[in-house]
Amino acid sequence: RDYLGSEGAFFARGGSIRVETDPPGGFEFNVDGELIGCGPADFSAIPRALDVIVGPGYVPDPLERPPRPSGHLLGLAADSNGRGS
């Protein structure tokens, strides 16, 4: 989370988020390395969408919620227009 020291950067949690820029369209978004266009962009969490396997030395980030008993974490989804699905 070294980006948190950057001007205008912050950390938040939620089931869905909307990202807007000022001025509108002033930032090009990329998701998993693919450019998806300029904002605004909507993202939503998909429960149990991602299986994560970690080694025995894994230490979770204390700012994160504890893993679910099933071992699944949340994934984010967005369509090609940056809109959540």
PDB file of N, CA and C in Angstrom:
ATOM      1  N   ARG A   1       0.818  -1.202   0.000  1.00  0.00           N
ATOM      2  CA  ARG A   1       0.000   0.000   0.000  1.00  0.00           C
ATOM      3  C   ARG A   1       0.859   1.263   0.000  1.00  0.00           C
ATOM      4  N   ASP A   2       1.971   1.203  -0.688  1.00  0.00           N
ATOM      5  CA  ASP A   2       2.846   2.364  -0.729  1.00  0.00           C
ATOM      6  C   ASP A   2       2.233   3.535  -1.484  1.00  0.00           C
ATOM      7  N   TYR A   3       1.184   3.306  -2.255  1.00  0.00           N
ATOM      8  CA  TYR A   3       0.502   4.385  -2.979  1.00  0.00           C
ATOM      9  C   TYR A   3      -0.273   5.303  -2.043  1.00  0.00           C
ATOM     10  N   LEU A   4      -0.531   4.885  -0.812  1.00  0.00           N
ATOM     11  CA  LEU A   4      -1.349   5.685   0.100  1.00  0.00           C
ATOM     12  C   LEU A   4      -0.701   7.015   0.458  1.00  0.00           C
ATOM     13  N   GLY A   5       0.601   7.150   0.265  1.00  0.00           N
ATOM     14  CA  GLY A   5       1.259   8.418   0.523  1.00  0.00           C
ATOM     15  C   GLY A   5       1.110   9.407  -0.625  1.00  0.00           C
ATOM     16  N   SER A   6       0.543   8.957  -1.749  1.00  0.00           N
ATOM     17  CA  SER A   6       0.376   9.820  -2.920  1.00  0.00           C
ATOM     18  C   SER A   6      -0.799  10.767  -2.733  1.00  0.00           C
ATOM     19  N   GLU A   7      -0.662  11.966  -3.275  1.00  0.00           N
ATOM     20  CA  GLU A   7      -1.734  12.956  -3.176  1.00  0.00           C
ATOM     21  C   GLU A   7      -3.008  12.418  -3.821  1.00  0.00           C
ATOM     22  N   GLY A   8      -4.110  12.516  -3.108  1.00  0.00           N
ATOM     23  CA  GLY A   8      -5.404  12.093  -3.627  1.00  0.00           C
ATOM     24  C   GLY A   8      -5.674  10.603  -3.518  1.00  0.00           C
ATOM     25  N   ALA A   9      -4.714   9.811  -3.018  1.00  0.00           N
ATOM     26  CA  ALA A   9      -4.913   8.364  -2.891  1.00  0.00           C
ATOM     27  C   ALA A   9      -5.473   8.044  -1.510  1.00  0.00           C
ATOM     28  N   PHE A  10      -6.378   7.075  -1.470  1.00  0.00           N
ATOM     29  CA  PHE A  10      -6.921   6.628  -0.192  1.00  0.00           C
ATOM     30  C   PHE A  10      -7.339   5.175  -0.309  1.00  0.00           C
ATOM     31  N   PHE A  11      -7.615   4.549   0.818  1.00  0.00           N
ATOM     32  CA  PHE A  11      -8.015   3.149   0.886  1.00  0.00           C
ATOM     33  C   PHE A  11      -9.450   3.092   1.378  1.00  0.00           C
ATOM     34  N   ALA A  12     -10.270   2.277   0.746  1.00  0.00           N
ATOM     35  CA  ALA A  12     -11.661   2.103   1.168  1.00  0.00           C
ATOM     36  C   ALA A  12     -12.088   0.675   0.870  1.00  0.00           C
ATOM     37  N   ARG A  13     -13.154   0.234   1.525  1.00  0.00           N
ATOM     38  CA  ARG A  13     -13.716  -1.096   1.288  1.00  0.00           C
ATOM     39  C   ARG A  13     -15.178  -0.965   0.933  1.00  0.00           C
ATOM     40  N   GLY A  14     -15.663  -1.918   0.175  1.00  0.00           N
ATOM     41  CA  GLY A  14     -17.081  -1.931  -0.136  1.00  0.00           C
ATOM     42  C   GLY A  14     -17.415  -3.063  -1.081  1.00  0.00           C
ATOM     43  N   GLY A  15     -18.685  -3.410  -1.140  1.00  0.00           N
ATOM     44  CA  GLY A  15     -19.147  -4.436  -2.061  1.00  0.00           C
ATOM     45  C   GLY A  15     -19.118  -3.961  -3.498  1.00  0.00           C
ATOM     46  N   SER A  16     -19.262  -2.660  -3.681  1.00  0.00           N
ATOM     47  CA  SER A  16     -19.148  -2.077  -5.016  1.00  0.00           C
ATOM     48  C   SER A  16     -18.617  -0.655  -4.871  1.00  0.00           C
ATOM     49  N   ILE A  17     -17.882  -0.226  -5.886  1.00  0.00           N
ATOM     50  CA  ILE A  17     -17.338   1.127  -5.870  1.00  0.00           C
ATOM     51  C   ILE A  17     -17.517   1.771  -7.240  1.00  0.00           C
ATOM     52  N   ARG A  18     -17.583   3.085  -7.260  1.00  0.00           N
ATOM     53  CA  ARG A  18     -17.620   3.858  -8.505  1.00  0.00           C
ATOM     54  C   ARG A  18     -16.431   4.810  -8.448  1.00  0.00           C
ATOM     55  N   VAL A  19     -15.622   4.799  -9.495  1.00  0.00           N
ATOM     56  CA  VAL A  19     -14.446   5.654  -9.572  1.00  0.00           C
ATOM     57  C   VAL A  19     -14.710   6.727 -10.613  1.00  0.00           C
ATOM     58  N   GLU A  20     -14.611   7.985 -10.194  1.00  0.00           N
ATOM     59  CA  GLU A  20     -14.794   9.114 -11.097  1.00  0.00           C
ATOM     60  C   GLU A  20     -13.542   9.977 -11.039  1.00  0.00           C
ATOM     61  N   THR A  21     -13.265  10.695 -12.114  1.00  0.00           N
ATOM     62  CA  THR A  21     -12.092  11.559 -12.154  1.00  0.00           C
ATOM     63  C   THR A  21     -12.505  13.012 -12.302  1.00  0.00           C
ATOM     64  N   ASP A  22     -11.610  13.894 -11.903  1.00  0.00           N
ATOM     65  CA  ASP A  22     -11.835  15.325 -12.051  1.00  0.00           C
ATOM     66  C   ASP A  22     -10.606  15.905 -12.735  1.00  0.00           C
ATOM     67  N   PRO A  23     -10.689  16.271 -13.998  1.00  0.00           N
ATOM     68  CA  PRO A  23     -11.898  16.437 -14.814  1.00  0.00           C
ATOM     69  C   PRO A  23     -12.410  15.083 -15.301  1.00  0.00           C
ATOM     70  N   PRO A  24     -13.713  15.008 -15.651  1.00  0.00           N
ATOM     71  CA  PRO A  24     -14.277  13.754 -16.162  1.00  0.00           C
ATOM     72  C   PRO A  24     -13.465  13.237 -17.349  1.00  0.00           C
ATOM     73  N   GLY A  25     -13.211  11.940 -17.343  1.00  0.00           N
ATOM     74  CA  GLY A  25     -12.441  11.331 -18.422  1.00  0.00           C
ATOM     75  C   GLY A  25     -10.955  11.625 -18.352  1.00  0.00           C
ATOM     76  N   GLY A  26     -10.492  12.172 -17.233  1.00  0.00           N
ATOM     77  CA  GLY A  26      -9.101  12.571 -17.102  1.00  0.00           C
ATOM     78  C   GLY A  26      -8.149  11.454 -16.727  1.00  0.00           C
ATOM     79  N   PHE A  27      -8.629  10.229 -16.694  1.00  0.00           N
ATOM     80  CA  PHE A  27      -7.789   9.101 -16.297  1.00  0.00           C
ATOM     81  C   PHE A  27      -8.219   7.880 -17.078  1.00  0.00           C
ATOM     82  N   GLU A  28      -7.268   7.176 -17.680  1.00  0.00           N
ATOM     83  CA  GLU A  28      -7.590   5.957 -18.419  1.00  0.00           C
ATOM     84  C   GLU A  28      -7.386   4.765 -17.488  1.00  0.00           C
ATOM     85  N   PHE A  29      -8.420   3.942 -17.323  1.00  0.00           N
ATOM     86  CA  PHE A  29      -8.376   2.799 -16.418  1.00  0.00           C
ATOM     87  C   PHE A  29      -7.813   1.580 -17.118  1.00  0.00           C
ATOM     88  N   ASN A  30      -7.112   0.741 -16.346  1.00  0.00           N
ATOM     89  CA  ASN A  30      -6.746  -0.564 -16.868  1.00  0.00           C
ATOM     90  C   ASN A  30      -7.094  -1.590 -15.815  1.00  0.00           C
ATOM     91  N   VAL A  31      -7.565  -2.723 -16.271  1.00  0.00           N
ATOM     92  CA  VAL A  31      -7.937  -3.831 -15.401  1.00  0.00           C
ATOM     93  C   VAL A  31      -7.157  -5.040 -15.881  1.00  0.00           C
ATOM     94  N   ASP A  32      -6.336  -5.583 -15.021  1.00  0.00           N
ATOM     95  CA  ASP A  32      -5.519  -6.745 -15.348  1.00  0.00           C
ATOM     96  C   ASP A  32      -4.695  -6.502 -16.613  1.00  0.00           C
ATOM     97  N   GLY A  33      -4.179  -5.280 -16.751  1.00  0.00           N
ATOM     98  CA  GLY A  33      -3.325  -4.944 -17.878  1.00  0.00           C
ATOM     99  C   GLY A  33      -4.044  -4.549 -19.152  1.00  0.00           C
ATOM    100  N   GLU A  34      -5.367  -4.592 -19.156  1.00  0.00           N
ATOM    101  CA  GLU A  34      -6.152  -4.221 -20.336  1.00  0.00           C
ATOM    102  C   GLU A  34      -6.759  -2.840 -20.135  1.00  0.00           C
ATOM    103  N   LEU A  35      -6.531  -1.928 -21.093  1.00  0.00           N
ATOM    104  CA  LEU A  35      -7.155  -0.610 -21.013  1.00  0.00           C
ATOM    105  C   LEU A  35      -8.655  -0.757 -21.246  1.00  0.00           C
ATOM    106  N   ILE A  36      -9.446  -0.185 -20.338  1.00  0.00           N
ATOM    107  CA  ILE A  36     -10.902  -0.303 -20.464  1.00  0.00           C
ATOM    108  C   ILE A  36     -11.569   1.038 -20.694  1.00  0.00           C
ATOM    109  N   GLY A  37     -10.786   2.090 -20.909  1.00  0.00           N
ATOM    110  CA  GLY A  37     -11.359   3.393 -21.215  1.00  0.00           C
ATOM    111  C   GLY A  37     -11.247   4.370 -20.072  1.00  0.00           C
ATOM    112  N   CYS A  38     -11.868   5.525 -20.267  1.00  0.00           N
ATOM    113  CA  CYS A  38     -11.861   6.588 -19.267  1.00  0.00           C
ATOM    114  C   CYS A  38     -13.086   6.457 -18.375  1.00  0.00           C
ATOM    115  N   GLY A  39     -12.972   6.963 -17.163  1.00  0.00           N
ATOM    116  CA  GLY A  39     -14.051   6.865 -16.185  1.00  0.00           C
ATOM    117  C   GLY A  39     -15.295   7.598 -16.611  1.00  0.00           C
ATOM    118  N   PRO A  40     -16.339   7.501 -15.843  1.00  0.00           N
ATOM    119  CA  PRO A  40     -16.373   6.773 -14.577  1.00  0.00           C
ATOM    120  C   PRO A  40     -16.395   5.260 -14.796  1.00  0.00           C
ATOM    121  N   ALA A  41     -15.989   4.529 -13.763  1.00  0.00           N
ATOM    122  CA  ALA A  41     -15.968   3.070 -13.829  1.00  0.00           C
ATOM    123  C   ALA A  41     -16.611   2.519 -12.566  1.00  0.00           C
ATOM    124  N   ASP A  42     -17.429   1.501 -12.735  1.00  0.00           N
ATOM    125  CA  ASP A  42     -18.080   0.828 -11.613  1.00  0.00           C
ATOM    126  C   ASP A  42     -17.471  -0.558 -11.456  1.00  0.00           C
ATOM    127  N   PHE A  43     -17.176  -0.939 -10.224  1.00  0.00           N
ATOM    128  CA  PHE A  43     -16.628  -2.252  -9.920  1.00  0.00           C
ATOM    129  C   PHE A  43     -17.460  -2.867  -8.804  1.00  0.00           C
ATOM    130  N   SER A  44     -17.641  -4.186  -8.857  1.00  0.00           N
ATOM    131  CA  SER A  44     -18.371  -4.859  -7.784  1.00  0.00           C
ATOM    132  C   SER A  44     -17.639  -6.137  -7.395  1.00  0.00           C
ATOM    133  N   ALA A  45     -17.757  -6.499  -6.134  1.00  0.00           N
ATOM    134  CA  ALA A  45     -17.120  -7.707  -5.614  1.00  0.00           C
ATOM    135  C   ALA A  45     -18.008  -8.905  -5.899  1.00  0.00           C
ATOM    136  N   ILE A  46     -17.371 -10.005  -6.246  1.00  0.00           N
ATOM    137  CA  ILE A  46     -18.089 -11.252  -6.481  1.00  0.00           C
ATOM    138  C   ILE A  46     -17.636 -12.226  -5.394  1.00  0.00           C
ATOM    139  N   PRO A  47     -18.497 -12.492  -4.406  1.00  0.00           N
ATOM    140  CA  PRO A  47     -18.099 -13.391  -3.320  1.00  0.00           C
ATOM    141  C   PRO A  47     -17.676 -14.763  -3.846  1.00  0.00           C
ATOM    142  N   ARG A  48     -16.608 -15.290  -3.269  1.00  0.00           N
ATOM    143  CA  ARG A  48     -16.086 -16.618  -3.575  1.00  0.00           C
ATOM    144  C   ARG A  48     -15.664 -16.786  -5.041  1.00  0.00           C
ATOM    145  N   ALA A  49     -15.265 -15.701  -5.688  1.00  0.00           N
ATOM    146  CA  ALA A  49     -14.899 -15.751  -7.103  1.00  0.00           C
ATOM    147  C   ALA A  49     -13.465 -16.209  -7.341  1.00  0.00           C
ATOM    148  N   LEU A  50     -12.644 -16.219  -6.323  1.00  0.00           N
ATOM    149  CA  LEU A  50     -11.226 -16.481  -6.516  1.00  0.00           C
ATOM    150  C   LEU A  50     -10.712 -17.423  -5.439  1.00  0.00           C
ATOM    151  N   ASP A  51     -10.120 -18.535  -5.857  1.00  0.00           N
ATOM    152  CA  ASP A  51      -9.455 -19.434  -4.920  1.00  0.00           C
ATOM    153  C   ASP A  51      -8.004 -18.997  -4.801  1.00  0.00           C
ATOM    154  N   VAL A  52      -7.513 -18.915  -3.577  1.00  0.00           N
ATOM    155  CA  VAL A  52      -6.133 -18.511  -3.337  1.00  0.00           C
ATOM    156  C   VAL A  52      -5.460 -19.579  -2.490  1.00  0.00           C
ATOM    157  N   ILE A  53      -4.317 -20.051  -2.958  1.00  0.00           N
ATOM    158  CA  ILE A  53      -3.548 -21.046  -2.214  1.00  0.00           C
ATOM    159  C   ILE A  53      -2.276 -20.357  -1.745  1.00  0.00           C
ATOM    160  N   VAL A  54      -2.010 -20.426  -0.450  1.00  0.00           N
ATOM    161  CA  VAL A  54      -0.826 -19.773   0.109  1.00  0.00           C
ATOM    162  C   VAL A  54       0.042 -20.804   0.808  1.00  0.00           C
ATOM    163  N   GLY A  55       1.319 -20.494   0.920  1.00  0.00           N
ATOM    164  CA  GLY A  55       2.255 -21.386   1.577  1.00  0.00           C
ATOM    165  C   GLY A  55       2.181 -21.285   3.085  1.00  0.00           C
ATOM    166  N   PRO A  56       2.876 -22.183   3.786  1.00  0.00           N
ATOM    167  CA  PRO A  56       2.813 -22.206   5.250  1.00  0.00           C
ATOM    168  C   PRO A  56       3.388 -20.956   5.907  1.00  0.00           C
ATOM    169  N   GLY A  57       4.246 -20.190   5.224  1.00  0.00           N
ATOM    170  CA  GLY A  57       4.827 -18.996   5.815  1.00  0.00           C
ATOM    171  C   GLY A  57       4.018 -17.737   5.589  1.00  0.00           C
ATOM    172  N   TYR A  58       2.839 -17.866   4.973  1.00  0.00           N
ATOM    173  CA  TYR A  58       2.009 -16.698   4.658  1.00  0.00           C
ATOM    174  C   TYR A  58       1.537 -16.002   5.927  1.00  0.00           C
ATOM    175  N   VAL A  59       1.714 -14.685   5.974  1.00  0.00           N
ATOM    176  CA  VAL A  59       1.224 -13.871   7.086  1.00  0.00           C
ATOM    177  C   VAL A  59       0.273 -12.838   6.489  1.00  0.00           C
ATOM    178  N   PRO A  60      -1.016 -12.875   6.847  1.00  0.00           N
ATOM    179  CA  PRO A  60      -1.972 -11.934   6.262  1.00  0.00           C
ATOM    180  C   PRO A  60      -1.710 -10.498   6.701  1.00  0.00           C
ATOM    181  N   ASP A  61      -2.089  -9.568   5.845  1.00  0.00           N
ATOM    182  CA  ASP A  61      -1.989  -8.138   6.138  1.00  0.00           C
ATOM    183  C   ASP A  61      -2.946  -7.828   7.285  1.00  0.00           C
ATOM    184  N   PRO A  62      -2.488  -7.190   8.357  1.00  0.00           N
ATOM    185  CA  PRO A  62      -3.373  -6.924   9.501  1.00  0.00           C
ATOM    186  C   PRO A  62      -4.525  -5.978   9.175  1.00  0.00           C
ATOM    187  N   LEU A  63      -4.447  -5.231   8.057  1.00  0.00           N
ATOM    188  CA  LEU A  63      -5.547  -4.347   7.678  1.00  0.00           C
ATOM    189  C   LEU A  63      -6.648  -5.079   6.914  1.00  0.00           C
ATOM    190  N   GLU A  64      -6.371  -6.294   6.483  1.00  0.00           N
ATOM    191  CA  GLU A  64      -7.353  -7.073   5.729  1.00  0.00           C
ATOM    192  C   GLU A  64      -8.234  -7.866   6.686  1.00  0.00           C
ATOM    193  N   ARG A  65      -9.411  -8.208   6.212  1.00  0.00           N
ATOM    194  CA  ARG A  65     -10.291  -9.081   6.989  1.00  0.00           C
ATOM    195  C   ARG A  65      -9.704 -10.486   6.994  1.00  0.00           C
ATOM    196  N   PRO A  66      -9.995 -11.273   8.043  1.00  0.00           N
ATOM    197  CA  PRO A  66      -9.495 -12.648   8.050  1.00  0.00           C
ATOM    198  C   PRO A  66     -10.109 -13.439   6.898  1.00  0.00           C
ATOM    199  N   PRO A  67      -9.384 -14.437   6.377  1.00  0.00           N
ATOM    200  CA  PRO A  67      -9.935 -15.230   5.275  1.00  0.00           C
ATOM    201  C   PRO A  67     -11.209 -15.948   5.689  1.00  0.00           C
ATOM    202  N   ARG A  68     -12.069 -16.163   4.721  1.00  0.00           N
ATOM    203  CA  ARG A  68     -13.297 -16.924   4.978  1.00  0.00           C
ATOM    204  C   ARG A  68     -12.924 -18.378   5.254  1.00  0.00           C
ATOM    205  N   PRO A  69     -13.727 -19.080   6.038  1.00  0.00           N
ATOM    206  CA  PRO A  69     -13.410 -20.474   6.351  1.00  0.00           C
ATOM    207  C   PRO A  69     -13.206 -21.334   5.110  1.00  0.00           C
ATOM    208  N   SER A  70     -13.878 -21.012   4.010  1.00  0.00           N
ATOM    209  CA  SER A  70     -13.746 -21.812   2.795  1.00  0.00           C
ATOM    210  C   SER A  70     -12.414 -21.560   2.095  1.00  0.00           C
ATOM    211  N   GLY A  71     -11.683 -20.508   2.507  1.00  0.00           N
ATOM    212  CA  GLY A  71     -10.428 -20.174   1.865  1.00  0.00           C
ATOM    213  C   GLY A  71     -10.585 -19.315   0.634  1.00  0.00           C
ATOM    214  N   HIS A  72     -11.811 -18.859   0.356  1.00  0.00           N
ATOM    215  CA  HIS A  72     -12.051 -18.023  -0.815  1.00  0.00           C
ATOM    216  C   HIS A  72     -11.947 -16.553  -0.450  1.00  0.00           C
ATOM    217  N   LEU A  73     -11.495 -15.762  -1.413  1.00  0.00           N
ATOM    218  CA  LEU A  73     -11.441 -14.318  -1.248  1.00  0.00           C
ATOM    219  C   LEU A  73     -12.366 -13.684  -2.270  1.00  0.00           C
ATOM    220  N   LEU A  74     -12.495 -12.370  -2.220  1.00  0.00           N
ATOM    221  CA  LEU A  74     -13.346 -11.659  -3.168  1.00  0.00           C
ATOM    222  C   LEU A  74     -12.586 -11.328  -4.433  1.00  0.00           C
ATOM    223  N   GLY A  75     -13.294 -11.307  -5.569  1.00  0.00           N
ATOM    224  CA  GLY A  75     -12.734 -10.871  -6.838  1.00  0.00           C
ATOM    225  C   GLY A  75     -13.481  -9.642  -7.294  1.00  0.00           C
ATOM    226  N   LEU A  76     -12.917  -8.906  -8.221  1.00  0.00           N
ATOM    227  CA  LEU A  76     -13.581  -7.740  -8.793  1.00  0.00           C
ATOM    228  C   LEU A  76     -13.911  -8.032 -10.239  1.00  0.00           C
ATOM    229  N   ALA A  77     -15.042  -7.522 -10.688  1.00  0.00           N
ATOM    230  CA  ALA A  77     -15.444  -7.719 -12.076  1.00  0.00           C
ATOM    231  C   ALA A  77     -15.787  -6.382 -12.692  1.00  0.00           C
ATOM    232  N   ALA A  78     -15.421  -6.211 -13.935  1.00  0.00           N
ATOM    233  CA  ALA A  78     -15.801  -5.016 -14.689  1.00  0.00           C
ATOM    234  C   ALA A  78     -15.933  -5.423 -16.140  1.00  0.00           C
ATOM    235  N   ASP A  79     -16.896  -4.829 -16.841  1.00  0.00           N
ATOM    236  CA  ASP A  79     -17.026  -5.135 -18.262  1.00  0.00           C
ATOM    237  C   ASP A  79     -16.071  -4.262 -19.065  1.00  0.00           C
ATOM    238  N   SER A  80     -16.097  -4.388 -20.381  1.00  0.00           N
ATOM    239  CA  SER A  80     -15.140  -3.676 -21.224  1.00  0.00           C
ATOM    240  C   SER A  80     -15.307  -2.166 -21.166  1.00  0.00           C
ATOM    241  N   ASN A  81     -16.431  -1.690 -20.657  1.00  0.00           N
ATOM    242  CA  ASN A  81     -16.642  -0.258 -20.499  1.00  0.00           C
ATOM    243  C   ASN A  81     -16.311   0.208 -19.090  1.00  0.00           C
ATOM    244  N   GLY A  82     -15.714  -0.677 -18.285  1.00  0.00           N
ATOM    245  CA  GLY A  82     -15.371  -0.311 -16.918  1.00  0.00           C
ATOM    246  C   GLY A  82     -16.552  -0.386 -15.976  1.00  0.00           C
ATOM    247  N   ARG A  83     -17.631  -0.973 -16.416  1.00  0.00           N
ATOM    248  CA  ARG A  83     -18.825  -1.072 -15.587  1.00  0.00           C
ATOM    249  C   ARG A  83     -18.846  -2.442 -14.916  1.00  0.00           C
ATOM    250  N   GLY A  84     -19.132  -2.447 -13.623  1.00  0.00           N
ATOM    251  CA  GLY A  84     -19.163  -3.691 -12.876  1.00  0.00           C
ATOM    252  C   GLY A  84     -20.264  -4.609 -13.355  1.00  0.00           C
ATOM    253  N   SER A  85     -20.049  -5.883 -13.110  1.00  0.00           N
ATOM    254  CA  SER A  85     -21.078  -6.853 -13.491  1.00  0.00           C
ATOM    255  C   SER A  85     -21.582  -7.585 -12.268  1.00  0.00           C
TER     256      SER A  85
END
